[in-house]
Amino acid sequence: MRRHLGTPILLTAALCGLAGLSGCGDEAGADPVPAPSPGSASAGSDYYLEPTLVSQTAAGGKVTREVTVLDDAQAVKAYVGRFRSDTMRAEVTRAAMQIEVPEDQQLVAAVVAVGCDVPPGVGVTGSGEDAVIAPDPVLSPMAECLAPVTTVALAVVPESA
């Protein structure tokens, strides 16, 4: 059985559309990201989905390697409340809605970068609330930027034992 955060969060998405928030509904009707079968995971990997990165200029937030478990709509709402950008709140909410979480897995999130560069990807280790998400290094960092870019990683990890 798969859990899907989209159903409980639909109200949030509807409110987002009513408020006319920029960035909400840009991909209206987009299909949820399906969870591949366990047989398609990399050898020895407990992770079935590629982490999702959401980035926004001047969104606020602080980098942390500790994750927040997003197990329901209230958890998502509380998590996105840390950002000062309505667009970032809407984009992270939408991304969380589109991820199907297989049984015995959890959706987690962390701010992995705030700066001039968006990491090309992230590495995920551990499980549940003990999972750690670390950004991959940027090969050609920008020398300067006008405003910092906040990057949030959403990952599906095994539940804690």
C-alpha atoms as a PDB file:
ATOM      1  CA  MET A   1       0.000   0.000   0.000  1.00  0.00           C
ATOM      2  CA  ARG A   2       1.329   3.433  -0.911  1.00  0.00           C
ATOM      3  CA  ARG A   3       0.656   6.619   0.972  1.00  0.00           C
ATOM      4  CA  HIS A   4       0.205   9.799  -0.985  1.00  0.00           C
ATOM      5  CA  LEU A   5       0.428  13.224   0.622  1.00  0.00           C
ATOM      6  CA  GLY A   6      -1.443  14.813  -2.273  1.00  0.00           C
ATOM      7  CA  THR A   7      -4.924  14.053  -0.958  1.00  0.00           C
ATOM      8  CA  PRO A   8      -4.529  15.733   2.447  1.00  0.00           C
ATOM      9  CA  ILE A   9      -2.686  18.647   0.884  1.00  0.00           C
ATOM     10  CA  LEU A  10      -5.203  19.358  -1.885  1.00  0.00           C
ATOM     11  CA  LEU A  11      -6.872  21.957   0.306  1.00  0.00           C
ATOM     12  CA  THR A  12      -3.541  23.766   0.632  1.00  0.00           C
ATOM     13  CA  ALA A  13      -3.096  23.683  -3.138  1.00  0.00           C
ATOM     14  CA  ALA A  14      -6.625  24.984  -3.675  1.00  0.00           C
ATOM     15  CA  LEU A  15      -6.000  27.831  -1.259  1.00  0.00           C
ATOM     16  CA  CYS A  16      -2.758  28.550  -3.057  1.00  0.00           C
ATOM     17  CA  GLY A  17      -4.701  28.952  -6.303  1.00  0.00           C
ATOM     18  CA  LEU A  18      -7.351  31.148  -4.682  1.00  0.00           C
ATOM     19  CA  ALA A  19      -4.671  33.402  -3.261  1.00  0.00           C
ATOM     20  CA  GLY A  20      -3.153  33.802  -6.726  1.00  0.00           C
ATOM     21  CA  LEU A  21       0.322  32.915  -5.504  1.00  0.00           C
ATOM     22  CA  SER A  22       3.044  33.066  -8.106  1.00  0.00           C
ATOM     23  CA  GLY A  23       4.442  29.642  -8.880  1.00  0.00           C
ATOM     24  CA  CYS A  24       1.303  27.770  -7.809  1.00  0.00           C
ATOM     25  CA  GLY A  25      -0.224  25.481 -10.388  1.00  0.00           C
ATOM     26  CA  ASP A  26       2.370  26.079 -13.095  1.00  0.00           C
ATOM     27  CA  GLU A  27       2.158  22.384 -13.841  1.00  0.00           C
ATOM     28  CA  ALA A  28      -1.572  21.926 -13.317  1.00  0.00           C
ATOM     29  CA  GLY A  29      -2.595  18.358 -13.806  1.00  0.00           C
ATOM     30  CA  ALA A  30       0.935  17.022 -13.467  1.00  0.00           C
ATOM     31  CA  ASP A  31       1.002  13.369 -12.545  1.00  0.00           C
ATOM     32  CA  PRO A  32       2.453  12.364  -9.181  1.00  0.00           C
ATOM     33  CA  VAL A  33       5.958  10.951  -9.242  1.00  0.00           C
ATOM     34  CA  PRO A  34       5.446   7.172  -9.114  1.00  0.00           C
ATOM     35  CA  ALA A  35       7.571   5.088  -6.786  1.00  0.00           C
ATOM     36  CA  PRO A  36       9.607   2.577  -8.771  1.00  0.00           C
ATOM     37  CA  SER A  37       9.394  -1.039  -7.736  1.00  0.00           C
ATOM     38  CA  PRO A  38      11.963  -2.163  -5.163  1.00  0.00           C
ATOM     39  CA  GLY A  39      13.652  -4.249  -7.848  1.00  0.00           C
ATOM     40  CA  SER A  40      14.623  -1.082  -9.716  1.00  0.00           C
ATOM     41  CA  ALA A  41      16.617   0.425  -6.855  1.00  0.00           C
ATOM     42  CA  SER A  42      20.397   0.525  -7.061  1.00  0.00           C
ATOM     43  CA  ALA A  43      22.173  -2.503  -5.651  1.00  0.00           C
ATOM     44  CA  GLY A  44      22.294  -2.198  -1.877  1.00  0.00           C
ATOM     45  CA  SER A  45      20.203   0.981  -1.841  1.00  0.00           C
ATOM     46  CA  ASP A  46      17.192   1.530   0.413  1.00  0.00           C
ATOM     47  CA  TYR A  47      16.215   4.626  -1.588  1.00  0.00           C
ATOM     48  CA  TYR A  48      13.806   4.224  -4.477  1.00  0.00           C
ATOM     49  CA  LEU A  49      13.272   7.792  -5.662  1.00  0.00           C
ATOM     50  CA  GLU A  50      15.716  10.448  -6.725  1.00  0.00           C
ATOM     51  CA  PRO A  51      15.528  13.362  -4.250  1.00  0.00           C
ATOM     52  CA  THR A  52      13.622  16.424  -5.462  1.00  0.00           C
ATOM     53  CA  LEU A  53      15.291  19.853  -5.237  1.00  0.00           C
ATOM     54  CA  VAL A  54      13.250  23.054  -4.996  1.00  0.00           C
ATOM     55  CA  SER A  55      15.125  26.365  -5.271  1.00  0.00           C
ATOM     56  CA  GLN A  56      13.986  29.966  -4.944  1.00  0.00           C
ATOM     57  CA  THR A  57      15.823  33.288  -4.771  1.00  0.00           C
ATOM     58  CA  ALA A  58      15.503  35.212  -1.490  1.00  0.00           C
ATOM     59  CA  ALA A  59      13.266  32.588   0.148  1.00  0.00           C
ATOM     60  CA  GLY A  60      15.026  32.598   3.527  1.00  0.00           C
ATOM     61  CA  GLY A  61      15.648  29.537   5.641  1.00  0.00           C
ATOM     62  CA  LYS A  62      18.793  28.140   7.266  1.00  0.00           C
ATOM     63  CA  VAL A  63      20.942  25.261   6.072  1.00  0.00           C
ATOM     64  CA  THR A  64      20.658  22.089   8.115  1.00  0.00           C
ATOM     65  CA  ARG A  65      21.700  18.517   7.540  1.00  0.00           C
ATOM     66  CA  GLU A  66      18.958  17.384   9.941  1.00  0.00           C
ATOM     67  CA  VAL A  67      15.743  16.438   8.209  1.00  0.00           C
ATOM     68  CA  THR A  68      12.126  17.165   8.999  1.00  0.00           C
ATOM     69  CA  VAL A  69       9.701  14.278   8.496  1.00  0.00           C
ATOM     70  CA  LEU A  70       6.766  15.363   6.308  1.00  0.00           C
ATOM     71  CA  ASP A  71       4.270  12.650   7.156  1.00  0.00           C
ATOM     72  CA  ASP A  72       1.057  14.644   6.689  1.00  0.00           C
ATOM     73  CA  ALA A  73      -0.373  17.952   5.500  1.00  0.00           C
ATOM     74  CA  GLN A  74       0.154  19.611   8.890  1.00  0.00           C
ATOM     75  CA  ALA A  75       3.851  18.673   8.865  1.00  0.00           C
ATOM     76  CA  VAL A  76       4.247  20.121   5.358  1.00  0.00           C
ATOM     77  CA  LYS A  77       2.431  23.329   6.350  1.00  0.00           C
ATOM     78  CA  ALA A  78       4.605  23.715   9.452  1.00  0.00           C
ATOM     79  CA  TYR A  79       7.782  23.056   7.460  1.00  0.00           C
ATOM     80  CA  VAL A  80       7.083  25.561   4.684  1.00  0.00           C
ATOM     81  CA  GLY A  81       6.159  28.235   7.244  1.00  0.00           C
ATOM     82  CA  ARG A  82       9.885  28.894   7.763  1.00  0.00           C
ATOM     83  CA  PHE A  83      10.229  30.476   4.315  1.00  0.00           C
ATOM     84  CA  ARG A  84       9.492  34.152   3.719  1.00  0.00           C
ATOM     85  CA  SER A  85       8.618  33.581   0.068  1.00  0.00           C
ATOM     86  CA  ASP A  86       5.047  32.588  -0.816  1.00  0.00           C
ATOM     87  CA  THR A  87       6.429  31.049  -3.996  1.00  0.00           C
ATOM     88  CA  MET A  88       8.858  28.834  -2.073  1.00  0.00           C
ATOM     89  CA  ARG A  89       6.110  27.711   0.307  1.00  0.00           C
ATOM     90  CA  ALA A  90       3.873  26.844  -2.647  1.00  0.00           C
ATOM     91  CA  GLU A  91       6.619  25.064  -4.622  1.00  0.00           C
ATOM     92  CA  VAL A  92       7.732  22.889  -1.696  1.00  0.00           C
ATOM     93  CA  THR A  93       4.088  22.066  -0.906  1.00  0.00           C
ATOM     94  CA  ARG A  94       3.426  21.135  -4.537  1.00  0.00           C
ATOM     95  CA  ALA A  95       6.568  18.995  -4.734  1.00  0.00           C
ATOM     96  CA  ALA A  96       5.596  17.161  -1.536  1.00  0.00           C
ATOM     97  CA  MET A  97       2.091  16.532  -2.955  1.00  0.00           C
ATOM     98  CA  GLN A  98       3.481  14.936  -6.097  1.00  0.00           C
ATOM     99  CA  ILE A  99       5.689  12.367  -4.353  1.00  0.00           C
ATOM    100  CA  GLU A 100       4.162   8.961  -3.696  1.00  0.00           C
ATOM    101  CA  VAL A 101       5.581   7.494  -0.503  1.00  0.00           C
ATOM    102  CA  PRO A 102       5.762   3.684  -0.514  1.00  0.00           C
ATOM    103  CA  GLU A 103       4.824   1.712   2.584  1.00  0.00           C
ATOM    104  CA  ASP A 104       7.681   1.531   5.131  1.00  0.00           C
ATOM    105  CA  GLN A 105       9.147   4.788   3.716  1.00  0.00           C
ATOM    106  CA  GLN A 106       8.889   8.437   4.815  1.00  0.00           C
ATOM    107  CA  LEU A 107       9.142  11.777   3.071  1.00  0.00           C
ATOM    108  CA  VAL A 108      11.756  14.060   4.622  1.00  0.00           C
ATOM    109  CA  ALA A 109      12.973  17.564   3.798  1.00  0.00           C
ATOM    110  CA  ALA A 110      15.976  19.749   4.579  1.00  0.00           C
ATOM    111  CA  VAL A 111      17.329  23.121   3.489  1.00  0.00           C
ATOM    112  CA  VAL A 112      20.589  22.012   1.872  1.00  0.00           C
ATOM    113  CA  ALA A 113      21.923  25.326   0.541  1.00  0.00           C
ATOM    114  CA  VAL A 114      21.458  29.078   0.890  1.00  0.00           C
ATOM    115  CA  GLY A 115      23.853  30.999  -1.325  1.00  0.00           C
ATOM    116  CA  CYS A 116      24.793  31.877  -4.867  1.00  0.00           C
ATOM    117  CA  ASP A 117      24.762  28.321  -6.175  1.00  0.00           C
ATOM    118  CA  VAL A 118      22.175  25.569  -6.430  1.00  0.00           C
ATOM    119  CA  PRO A 119      23.755  22.185  -5.717  1.00  0.00           C
ATOM    120  CA  PRO A 120      23.606  19.766  -8.675  1.00  0.00           C
ATOM    121  CA  GLY A 121      22.174  17.059  -6.427  1.00  0.00           C
ATOM    122  CA  VAL A 122      22.217  15.660  -2.906  1.00  0.00           C
ATOM    123  CA  GLY A 123      23.326  12.541  -1.089  1.00  0.00           C
ATOM    124  CA  VAL A 124      20.960  10.863   1.366  1.00  0.00           C
ATOM    125  CA  THR A 125      21.970   8.518   4.176  1.00  0.00           C
ATOM    126  CA  GLY A 126      20.160   7.039   7.172  1.00  0.00           C
ATOM    127  CA  SER A 127      16.487   6.525   7.812  1.00  0.00           C
ATOM    128  CA  GLY A 128      13.501   8.370   9.253  1.00  0.00           C
ATOM    129  CA  GLU A 129      14.245  11.445  11.326  1.00  0.00           C
ATOM    130  CA  ASP A 130      17.882  10.299  11.587  1.00  0.00           C
ATOM    131  CA  ALA A 131      18.379  10.636   7.815  1.00  0.00           C
ATOM    132  CA  VAL A 132      20.965  13.137   6.611  1.00  0.00           C
ATOM    133  CA  ILE A 133      20.782  15.045   3.329  1.00  0.00           C
ATOM    134  CA  ALA A 134      24.031  16.640   2.132  1.00  0.00           C
ATOM    135  CA  PRO A 135      24.440  18.742  -1.037  1.00  0.00           C
ATOM    136  CA  ASP A 136      26.767  17.611  -3.796  1.00  0.00           C
ATOM    137  CA  PRO A 137      29.606  20.062  -4.428  1.00  0.00           C
ATOM    138  CA  VAL A 138      29.141  22.791  -7.025  1.00  0.00           C
ATOM    139  CA  LEU A 139      31.903  22.342  -9.615  1.00  0.00           C
ATOM    140  CA  SER A 140      32.037  25.984 -10.761  1.00  0.00           C
ATOM    141  CA  PRO A 141      30.780  28.206  -7.929  1.00  0.00           C
ATOM    142  CA  MET A 142      29.666  31.727  -8.784  1.00  0.00           C
ATOM    143  CA  ALA A 143      32.013  34.448  -7.556  1.00  0.00           C
ATOM    144  CA  GLU A 144      29.167  36.716  -6.452  1.00  0.00           C
ATOM    145  CA  CYS A 145      25.403  36.973  -6.609  1.00  0.00           C
ATOM    146  CA  LEU A 146      22.766  39.623  -6.028  1.00  0.00           C
ATOM    147  CA  ALA A 147      20.540  37.512  -3.764  1.00  0.00           C
ATOM    148  CA  PRO A 148      20.977  34.117  -2.124  1.00  0.00           C
ATOM    149  CA  VAL A 149      19.117  31.119  -3.481  1.00  0.00           C
ATOM    150  CA  THR A 150      17.515  28.717  -0.976  1.00  0.00           C
ATOM    151  CA  THR A 151      17.481  25.040  -1.987  1.00  0.00           C
ATOM    152  CA  VAL A 152      15.283  22.464  -0.247  1.00  0.00           C
ATOM    153  CA  ALA A 153      15.733  18.740  -0.827  1.00  0.00           C
ATOM    154  CA  LEU A 154      12.791  16.350  -0.481  1.00  0.00           C
ATOM    155  CA  ALA A 155      13.696  12.672  -0.209  1.00  0.00           C
ATOM    156  CA  VAL A 156      11.926   9.392   0.443  1.00  0.00           C
ATOM    157  CA  VAL A 157      13.809   7.336   3.029  1.00  0.00           C
ATOM    158  CA  PRO A 158      13.133   4.142   4.974  1.00  0.00           C
ATOM    159  CA  GLU A 159      11.150   4.618   8.192  1.00  0.00           C
ATOM    160  CA  SER A 160      13.168   4.418  11.393  1.00  0.00           C
ATOM    161  CA  ALA A 161      13.281   0.934  12.870  1.00  0.00           C
END
